[in-house]
Amino acid sequence: MEAFAASTQVRKAQRPIANILAWLAFALAFVASAVLLFAPTGTSIEGAAVAPGSAAVPHVTHPTILQANGWLVLIPLALPVLIAGLAAILSARWTRIVAATLIGLFVFVAAASIGLFYLPASLLLLLAAVGPWSRAPAAVSSGAIDGVTT
């Protein structure tokens, strides 16, 4: 267990830009979900006649996605946040590639409604996974060969 923890710490120290991008992707996914959850995203117009034969008085409201769809909307709003969070915590290159792909699929499938809000998070995870800073640097030789320095 100590070897795993040590190797994880070494990987994190070797790729600070990739880690920052992954955590930024998580933050963007979280903010997108929070905005979608609490910001008014729709318009509802209801009209009711005050008296028979009179004109209807429109009543306009702007409900949030939570008010319009109920608590089950938390599931699709939580998926990109959980996926980005796992990619940031695990910090392995392959997990970031998988997470970027999954969130990218989510963006494509839900593009007509909430999907495009998560496009920046998907792109940042992709950058964290395949950018030049995502690979661990090669071991630098100190010039020593068989214990003799040159």
N, C-alpha and C. Protein backbone atom coordinates (compact mmCIF):
# COMPACT_ATOMS: atom_id res chain seq x y z
N MET A 1 0.82 -1.20 0.00
CA MET A 1 0.00 0.00 0.00
C MET A 1 0.86 1.26 0.00
N GLU A 2 1.99 1.20 0.71
CA GLU A 2 2.88 2.36 0.77
C GLU A 2 3.51 2.62 -0.59
N ALA A 3 3.80 1.54 -1.33
CA ALA A 3 4.40 1.71 -2.66
C ALA A 3 3.42 2.39 -3.60
N PHE A 4 2.12 2.02 -3.50
CA PHE A 4 1.10 2.65 -4.33
C PHE A 4 0.97 4.13 -4.00
N ALA A 5 0.93 4.45 -2.71
CA ALA A 5 0.82 5.85 -2.30
C ALA A 5 2.04 6.65 -2.74
N ALA A 6 3.22 6.05 -2.65
CA ALA A 6 4.43 6.75 -3.07
C ALA A 6 4.44 6.97 -4.58
N SER A 7 4.01 5.96 -5.35
CA SER A 7 4.00 6.12 -6.80
C SER A 7 2.95 7.14 -7.22
N THR A 8 1.84 7.20 -6.51
CA THR A 8 0.82 8.21 -6.81
C THR A 8 1.35 9.61 -6.54
N GLN A 9 2.08 9.78 -5.44
CA GLN A 9 2.65 11.09 -5.13
C GLN A 9 3.68 11.51 -6.16
N VAL A 10 4.48 10.55 -6.64
CA VAL A 10 5.48 10.87 -7.66
C VAL A 10 4.80 11.29 -8.95
N ARG A 11 3.72 10.56 -9.35
CA ARG A 11 3.01 10.91 -10.57
C ARG A 11 2.40 12.30 -10.46
N LYS A 12 1.83 12.62 -9.32
CA LYS A 12 1.22 13.94 -9.14
C LYS A 12 2.26 15.05 -9.19
N ALA A 13 3.42 14.80 -8.63
CA ALA A 13 4.48 15.81 -8.62
C ALA A 13 5.07 16.01 -10.01
N GLN A 14 5.04 14.98 -10.84
CA GLN A 14 5.64 15.08 -12.16
C GLN A 14 4.75 15.78 -13.17
N ARG A 15 3.46 15.84 -12.94
CA ARG A 15 2.54 16.41 -13.92
C ARG A 15 1.66 17.49 -13.29
N PRO A 16 2.24 18.58 -12.80
CA PRO A 16 1.40 19.57 -12.12
C PRO A 16 0.42 20.28 -13.04
N ILE A 17 0.80 20.55 -14.29
CA ILE A 17 -0.12 21.25 -15.19
C ILE A 17 -1.31 20.37 -15.53
N ALA A 18 -1.06 19.09 -15.77
CA ALA A 18 -2.15 18.16 -16.07
C ALA A 18 -3.09 18.05 -14.87
N ASN A 19 -2.55 18.03 -13.66
CA ASN A 19 -3.39 17.96 -12.47
C ASN A 19 -4.22 19.22 -12.30
N ILE A 20 -3.62 20.37 -12.55
CA ILE A 20 -4.36 21.63 -12.44
C ILE A 20 -5.50 21.65 -13.46
N LEU A 21 -5.22 21.20 -14.69
CA LEU A 21 -6.27 21.17 -15.72
C LEU A 21 -7.40 20.22 -15.34
N ALA A 22 -7.06 19.08 -14.75
CA ALA A 22 -8.09 18.11 -14.35
C ALA A 22 -8.95 18.68 -13.23
N TRP A 23 -8.34 19.33 -12.25
CA TRP A 23 -9.13 19.93 -11.17
C TRP A 23 -9.95 21.12 -11.67
N LEU A 24 -9.43 21.84 -12.64
CA LEU A 24 -10.19 22.93 -13.24
C LEU A 24 -11.39 22.38 -14.02
N ALA A 25 -11.21 21.26 -14.68
CA ALA A 25 -12.33 20.61 -15.37
C ALA A 25 -13.41 20.19 -14.38
N PHE A 26 -12.99 19.65 -13.23
CA PHE A 26 -13.95 19.29 -12.19
C PHE A 26 -14.70 20.53 -11.71
N ALA A 27 -13.98 21.62 -11.48
CA ALA A 27 -14.61 22.86 -11.02
C ALA A 27 -15.60 23.39 -12.05
N LEU A 28 -15.24 23.34 -13.32
CA LEU A 28 -16.15 23.81 -14.37
C LEU A 28 -17.40 22.94 -14.46
N ALA A 29 -17.24 21.64 -14.33
CA ALA A 29 -18.40 20.74 -14.34
C ALA A 29 -19.31 21.02 -13.14
N PHE A 30 -18.70 21.26 -11.99
CA PHE A 30 -19.48 21.57 -10.79
C PHE A 30 -20.25 22.88 -10.95
N VAL A 31 -19.57 23.90 -11.47
CA VAL A 31 -20.22 25.21 -11.67
C VAL A 31 -21.34 25.09 -12.70
N ALA A 32 -21.11 24.34 -13.77
CA ALA A 32 -22.15 24.16 -14.78
C ALA A 32 -23.38 23.50 -14.17
N SER A 33 -23.17 22.48 -13.35
CA SER A 33 -24.31 21.81 -12.70
C SER A 33 -25.02 22.74 -11.73
N ALA A 34 -24.27 23.52 -10.97
CA ALA A 34 -24.89 24.45 -10.02
C ALA A 34 -25.69 25.53 -10.75
N VAL A 35 -25.13 26.06 -11.83
CA VAL A 35 -25.87 27.08 -12.59
C VAL A 35 -27.13 26.48 -13.18
N LEU A 36 -27.03 25.29 -13.77
CA LEU A 36 -28.21 24.66 -14.34
C LEU A 36 -29.25 24.31 -13.28
N LEU A 37 -28.79 24.01 -12.10
CA LEU A 37 -29.72 23.62 -11.03
C LEU A 37 -30.47 24.81 -10.45
N PHE A 38 -29.78 25.93 -10.27
CA PHE A 38 -30.38 27.05 -9.54
C PHE A 38 -30.77 28.25 -10.40
N ALA A 39 -30.25 28.36 -11.60
CA ALA A 39 -30.59 29.52 -12.44
C ALA A 39 -31.91 29.25 -13.17
N PRO A 40 -32.70 30.29 -13.36
CA PRO A 40 -33.95 30.10 -14.13
C PRO A 40 -33.62 29.76 -15.58
N THR A 41 -34.09 28.61 -16.02
CA THR A 41 -33.75 28.16 -17.36
C THR A 41 -34.96 28.05 -18.28
N GLY A 42 -36.13 28.34 -17.79
CA GLY A 42 -37.33 28.20 -18.62
C GLY A 42 -38.28 29.36 -18.40
N THR A 43 -39.33 29.37 -19.20
CA THR A 43 -40.37 30.37 -19.07
C THR A 43 -41.70 29.67 -19.12
N SER A 44 -42.56 30.02 -18.20
CA SER A 44 -43.91 29.46 -18.14
C SER A 44 -44.90 30.61 -18.14
N ILE A 45 -45.83 30.57 -19.08
CA ILE A 45 -46.86 31.61 -19.17
C ILE A 45 -48.21 30.95 -18.98
N GLU A 46 -48.93 31.42 -17.98
CA GLU A 46 -50.28 30.92 -17.72
C GLU A 46 -51.23 32.10 -17.75
N GLY A 47 -52.37 31.87 -18.29
CA GLY A 47 -53.36 32.95 -18.35
C GLY A 47 -54.68 32.46 -17.78
N ALA A 48 -55.30 33.31 -17.01
CA ALA A 48 -56.60 32.96 -16.43
C ALA A 48 -57.51 34.18 -16.52
N ALA A 49 -58.72 33.94 -16.92
CA ALA A 49 -59.68 35.04 -17.01
C ALA A 49 -60.15 35.38 -15.60
N VAL A 50 -60.17 36.70 -15.30
CA VAL A 50 -60.60 37.14 -13.98
C VAL A 50 -62.11 37.00 -13.84
N ALA A 51 -62.84 37.36 -14.88
CA ALA A 51 -64.30 37.26 -14.88
C ALA A 51 -64.73 36.69 -16.23
N PRO A 52 -65.90 36.08 -16.29
CA PRO A 52 -66.36 35.55 -17.57
C PRO A 52 -66.45 36.68 -18.61
N GLY A 53 -65.86 36.43 -19.78
CA GLY A 53 -65.90 37.41 -20.86
C GLY A 53 -64.78 38.42 -20.80
N SER A 54 -63.97 38.41 -19.76
CA SER A 54 -62.87 39.37 -19.68
C SER A 54 -61.60 38.77 -20.28
N ALA A 55 -60.64 39.61 -20.53
CA ALA A 55 -59.38 39.15 -21.11
C ALA A 55 -58.56 38.40 -20.07
N ALA A 56 -57.80 37.44 -20.54
CA ALA A 56 -56.95 36.66 -19.64
C ALA A 56 -55.76 37.50 -19.21
N VAL A 57 -55.40 37.38 -17.94
CA VAL A 57 -54.24 38.08 -17.40
C VAL A 57 -53.07 37.09 -17.40
N PRO A 58 -52.04 37.37 -18.18
CA PRO A 58 -50.94 36.41 -18.22
C PRO A 58 -50.11 36.47 -16.94
N HIS A 59 -49.71 35.30 -16.50
CA HIS A 59 -48.83 35.18 -15.35
C HIS A 59 -47.56 34.48 -15.83
N VAL A 60 -46.45 35.22 -15.83
CA VAL A 60 -45.18 34.70 -16.36
C VAL A 60 -44.27 34.33 -15.20
N THR A 61 -43.74 33.10 -15.25
CA THR A 61 -42.75 32.66 -14.25
C THR A 61 -41.53 32.11 -15.00
N HIS A 62 -40.41 32.08 -14.30
CA HIS A 62 -39.16 31.55 -14.85
C HIS A 62 -38.64 30.48 -13.89
N PRO A 63 -39.10 29.23 -14.06
CA PRO A 63 -38.69 28.17 -13.12
C PRO A 63 -37.26 27.68 -13.40
N THR A 64 -36.67 27.15 -12.35
CA THR A 64 -35.36 26.50 -12.50
C THR A 64 -35.59 25.10 -13.06
N ILE A 65 -34.52 24.46 -13.48
CA ILE A 65 -34.64 23.10 -14.01
C ILE A 65 -35.11 22.14 -12.92
N LEU A 66 -34.75 22.44 -11.67
CA LEU A 66 -35.20 21.62 -10.55
C LEU A 66 -36.70 21.76 -10.33
N GLN A 67 -37.22 22.98 -10.42
CA GLN A 67 -38.66 23.20 -10.26
C GLN A 67 -39.44 22.60 -11.42
N ALA A 68 -38.89 22.65 -12.60
CA ALA A 68 -39.60 22.15 -13.77
C ALA A 68 -39.58 20.63 -13.87
N ASN A 69 -38.49 19.99 -13.46
CA ASN A 69 -38.34 18.55 -13.68
C ASN A 69 -38.28 17.71 -12.42
N GLY A 70 -38.17 18.32 -11.25
CA GLY A 70 -38.13 17.56 -10.02
C GLY A 70 -36.73 17.09 -9.66
N TRP A 71 -36.66 16.31 -8.58
CA TRP A 71 -35.38 15.89 -8.03
C TRP A 71 -34.62 14.90 -8.90
N LEU A 72 -35.29 14.23 -9.82
CA LEU A 72 -34.60 13.26 -10.68
C LEU A 72 -33.60 13.93 -11.62
N VAL A 73 -33.71 15.23 -11.80
CA VAL A 73 -32.77 15.94 -12.65
C VAL A 73 -31.37 15.97 -12.04
N LEU A 74 -31.26 15.66 -10.77
CA LEU A 74 -29.95 15.63 -10.12
C LEU A 74 -29.06 14.53 -10.70
N ILE A 75 -29.64 13.48 -11.22
CA ILE A 75 -28.84 12.37 -11.76
C ILE A 75 -28.04 12.82 -12.98
N PRO A 76 -28.67 13.36 -14.02
CA PRO A 76 -27.85 13.79 -15.16
C PRO A 76 -26.95 14.98 -14.84
N LEU A 77 -27.31 15.80 -13.86
CA LEU A 77 -26.46 16.92 -13.49
C LEU A 77 -25.25 16.46 -12.68
N ALA A 78 -25.36 15.34 -11.98
CA ALA A 78 -24.26 14.85 -11.15
C ALA A 78 -23.27 13.99 -11.94
N LEU A 79 -23.70 13.38 -13.02
CA LEU A 79 -22.81 12.47 -13.76
C LEU A 79 -21.52 13.14 -14.23
N PRO A 80 -21.56 14.27 -14.94
CA PRO A 80 -20.29 14.86 -15.38
C PRO A 80 -19.41 15.31 -14.21
N VAL A 81 -20.02 15.75 -13.13
CA VAL A 81 -19.25 16.18 -11.96
C VAL A 81 -18.53 14.99 -11.34
N LEU A 82 -19.22 13.88 -11.19
CA LEU A 82 -18.60 12.67 -10.62
C LEU A 82 -17.49 12.13 -11.52
N ILE A 83 -17.74 12.12 -12.82
CA ILE A 83 -16.73 11.60 -13.75
C ILE A 83 -15.48 12.48 -13.73
N ALA A 84 -15.67 13.80 -13.77
CA ALA A 84 -14.52 14.72 -13.74
C ALA A 84 -13.80 14.65 -12.39
N GLY A 85 -14.56 14.48 -11.32
CA GLY A 85 -13.95 14.36 -10.00
C GLY A 85 -13.09 13.11 -9.87
N LEU A 86 -13.58 12.00 -10.39
CA LEU A 86 -12.78 10.77 -10.35
C LEU A 86 -11.51 10.90 -11.18
N ALA A 87 -11.61 11.55 -12.32
CA ALA A 87 -10.42 11.74 -13.16
C ALA A 87 -9.40 12.64 -12.47
N ALA A 88 -9.87 13.63 -11.72
CA ALA A 88 -8.94 14.52 -11.02
C ALA A 88 -8.31 13.82 -9.82
N ILE A 89 -9.08 13.02 -9.12
CA ILE A 89 -8.56 12.32 -7.93
C ILE A 89 -7.59 11.21 -8.32
N LEU A 90 -7.96 10.39 -9.31
CA LEU A 90 -7.12 9.25 -9.67
C LEU A 90 -5.86 9.68 -10.40
N SER A 91 -5.90 10.73 -11.14
CA SER A 91 -4.78 11.38 -11.81
C SER A 91 -3.96 10.48 -12.73
N ALA A 92 -4.52 9.36 -13.14
CA ALA A 92 -3.84 8.53 -14.13
C ALA A 92 -4.25 9.02 -15.52
N ARG A 93 -3.34 8.91 -16.45
CA ARG A 93 -3.60 9.42 -17.79
C ARG A 93 -4.77 8.71 -18.44
N TRP A 94 -4.87 7.41 -18.28
CA TRP A 94 -5.95 6.66 -18.91
C TRP A 94 -7.31 7.02 -18.32
N THR A 95 -7.37 7.35 -17.01
CA THR A 95 -8.65 7.73 -16.43
C THR A 95 -9.12 9.07 -16.99
N ARG A 96 -8.17 9.95 -17.29
CA ARG A 96 -8.55 11.25 -17.87
C ARG A 96 -9.02 11.10 -19.31
N ILE A 97 -8.42 10.17 -20.03
CA ILE A 97 -8.87 9.92 -21.40
C ILE A 97 -10.28 9.34 -21.39
N VAL A 98 -10.53 8.38 -20.51
CA VAL A 98 -11.86 7.78 -20.40
C VAL A 98 -12.88 8.82 -19.95
N ALA A 99 -12.51 9.64 -18.96
CA ALA A 99 -13.43 10.66 -18.46
C ALA A 99 -13.75 11.71 -19.54
N ALA A 100 -12.74 12.14 -20.28
CA ALA A 100 -12.98 13.11 -21.36
C ALA A 100 -13.90 12.51 -22.42
N THR A 101 -13.71 11.22 -22.71
CA THR A 101 -14.57 10.55 -23.69
C THR A 101 -16.00 10.45 -23.18
N LEU A 102 -16.18 10.04 -21.92
CA LEU A 102 -17.52 9.90 -21.37
C LEU A 102 -18.25 11.24 -21.29
N ILE A 103 -17.56 12.28 -20.85
CA ILE A 103 -18.20 13.59 -20.78
C ILE A 103 -18.45 14.11 -22.19
N GLY A 104 -17.55 13.82 -23.13
CA GLY A 104 -17.78 14.20 -24.53
C GLY A 104 -19.02 13.52 -25.10
N LEU A 105 -19.21 12.25 -24.79
CA LEU A 105 -20.44 11.56 -25.20
C LEU A 105 -21.67 12.18 -24.56
N PHE A 106 -21.55 12.55 -23.29
CA PHE A 106 -22.65 13.22 -22.60
C PHE A 106 -22.99 14.54 -23.30
N VAL A 107 -21.96 15.29 -23.67
CA VAL A 107 -22.16 16.56 -24.38
C VAL A 107 -22.90 16.31 -25.69
N PHE A 108 -22.49 15.29 -26.42
CA PHE A 108 -23.12 14.99 -27.71
C PHE A 108 -24.57 14.55 -27.54
N VAL A 109 -24.82 13.64 -26.60
CA VAL A 109 -26.17 13.11 -26.41
C VAL A 109 -27.12 14.18 -25.89
N ALA A 110 -26.64 15.01 -24.97
CA ALA A 110 -27.51 16.01 -24.34
C ALA A 110 -27.30 17.41 -24.92
N ALA A 111 -26.77 17.50 -26.13
CA ALA A 111 -26.44 18.80 -26.72
C ALA A 111 -27.66 19.70 -26.88
N ALA A 112 -28.82 19.12 -27.08
CA ALA A 112 -30.02 19.93 -27.29
C ALA A 112 -30.53 20.56 -25.99
N SER A 113 -30.06 20.08 -24.86
CA SER A 113 -30.55 20.66 -23.60
C SER A 113 -29.40 21.17 -22.74
N ILE A 114 -28.76 20.30 -21.97
CA ILE A 114 -27.74 20.75 -21.01
C ILE A 114 -26.33 20.36 -21.41
N GLY A 115 -26.16 19.60 -22.45
CA GLY A 115 -24.87 19.03 -22.79
C GLY A 115 -23.77 20.03 -23.06
N LEU A 116 -24.07 21.10 -23.77
CA LEU A 116 -23.03 22.05 -24.15
C LEU A 116 -22.43 22.79 -22.96
N PHE A 117 -23.11 22.79 -21.83
CA PHE A 117 -22.56 23.41 -20.63
C PHE A 117 -21.32 22.67 -20.13
N TYR A 118 -21.20 21.39 -20.49
CA TYR A 118 -20.09 20.57 -20.02
C TYR A 118 -18.96 20.42 -21.04
N LEU A 119 -19.08 21.08 -22.18
CA LEU A 119 -18.04 21.01 -23.20
C LEU A 119 -16.69 21.53 -22.70
N PRO A 120 -16.63 22.66 -21.98
CA PRO A 120 -15.31 23.10 -21.48
C PRO A 120 -14.65 22.09 -20.55
N ALA A 121 -15.42 21.44 -19.70
CA ALA A 121 -14.84 20.43 -18.80
C ALA A 121 -14.29 19.26 -19.58
N SER A 122 -15.00 18.83 -20.61
CA SER A 122 -14.53 17.72 -21.44
C SER A 122 -13.24 18.09 -22.17
N LEU A 123 -13.18 19.29 -22.70
CA LEU A 123 -11.98 19.74 -23.42
C LEU A 123 -10.78 19.87 -22.48
N LEU A 124 -11.00 20.36 -21.26
CA LEU A 124 -9.90 20.48 -20.31
C LEU A 124 -9.38 19.10 -19.88
N LEU A 125 -10.29 18.15 -19.69
CA LEU A 125 -9.83 16.79 -19.36
C LEU A 125 -9.06 16.18 -20.51
N LEU A 126 -9.48 16.47 -21.73
CA LEU A 126 -8.75 15.97 -22.88
C LEU A 126 -7.36 16.58 -22.95
N LEU A 127 -7.26 17.87 -22.68
CA LEU A 127 -5.95 18.52 -22.64
C LEU A 127 -5.07 17.95 -21.52
N ALA A 128 -5.68 17.69 -20.37
CA ALA A 128 -4.93 17.13 -19.25
C ALA A 128 -4.43 15.73 -19.57
N ALA A 129 -5.16 15.01 -20.42
CA ALA A 129 -4.79 13.63 -20.72
C ALA A 129 -3.79 13.51 -21.86
N VAL A 130 -3.91 14.32 -22.88
CA VAL A 130 -3.07 14.11 -24.07
C VAL A 130 -2.13 15.27 -24.37
N GLY A 131 -2.15 16.30 -23.56
CA GLY A 131 -1.24 17.41 -23.78
C GLY A 131 0.20 17.01 -23.52
N PRO A 132 1.14 17.82 -23.98
CA PRO A 132 2.55 17.46 -23.78
C PRO A 132 2.95 17.40 -22.31
N TRP A 133 2.22 18.05 -21.44
CA TRP A 133 2.52 18.04 -20.01
C TRP A 133 1.90 16.84 -19.30
N SER A 134 1.15 16.01 -20.03
CA SER A 134 0.47 14.88 -19.38
C SER A 134 1.38 13.69 -19.17
N ARG A 135 2.49 13.64 -19.87
CA ARG A 135 3.42 12.52 -19.71
C ARG A 135 4.45 12.85 -18.64
N ALA A 136 4.84 11.81 -17.93
CA ALA A 136 5.87 12.00 -16.90
C ALA A 136 7.19 12.30 -17.58
N PRO A 137 7.97 13.21 -17.04
CA PRO A 137 9.26 13.50 -17.65
C PRO A 137 10.20 12.31 -17.56
N ALA A 138 11.05 12.17 -18.55
CA ALA A 138 12.01 11.07 -18.55
C ALA A 138 13.04 11.31 -17.46
N ALA A 139 13.56 10.23 -16.95
CA ALA A 139 14.59 10.34 -15.91
C ALA A 139 15.81 11.04 -16.50
N VAL A 140 16.30 12.00 -15.80
CA VAL A 140 17.46 12.76 -16.25
C VAL A 140 18.71 12.07 -15.76
N SER A 141 19.61 11.84 -16.67
CA SER A 141 20.87 11.19 -16.30
C SER A 141 21.78 12.21 -15.65
N SER A 142 22.45 11.80 -14.59
CA SER A 142 23.35 12.72 -13.90
C SER A 142 24.76 12.66 -14.46
N GLY A 143 24.97 11.83 -15.46
CA GLY A 143 26.30 11.71 -16.03
C GLY A 143 27.13 10.63 -15.35
N ALA A 144 26.58 9.94 -14.38
CA ALA A 144 27.33 8.90 -13.67
C ALA A 144 27.16 7.58 -14.38
N ILE A 145 28.28 6.92 -14.62
CA ILE A 145 28.26 5.59 -15.22
C ILE A 145 29.03 4.67 -14.28
N ASP A 146 28.31 3.69 -13.76
CA ASP A 146 28.90 2.72 -12.83
C ASP A 146 29.55 3.40 -11.64
N GLY A 147 28.93 4.44 -11.14
CA GLY A 147 29.42 5.11 -9.95
C GLY A 147 30.53 6.11 -10.21
N VAL A 148 31.00 6.27 -11.45
CA VAL A 148 32.07 7.21 -11.77
C VAL A 148 31.46 8.39 -12.48
N THR A 149 31.67 9.57 -11.97
CA THR A 149 31.12 10.77 -12.61
C THR A 149 32.11 11.26 -13.65
N THR A 150 31.55 11.84 -14.70
CA THR A 150 32.42 12.34 -15.77
C THR A 150 32.51 13.83 -15.76
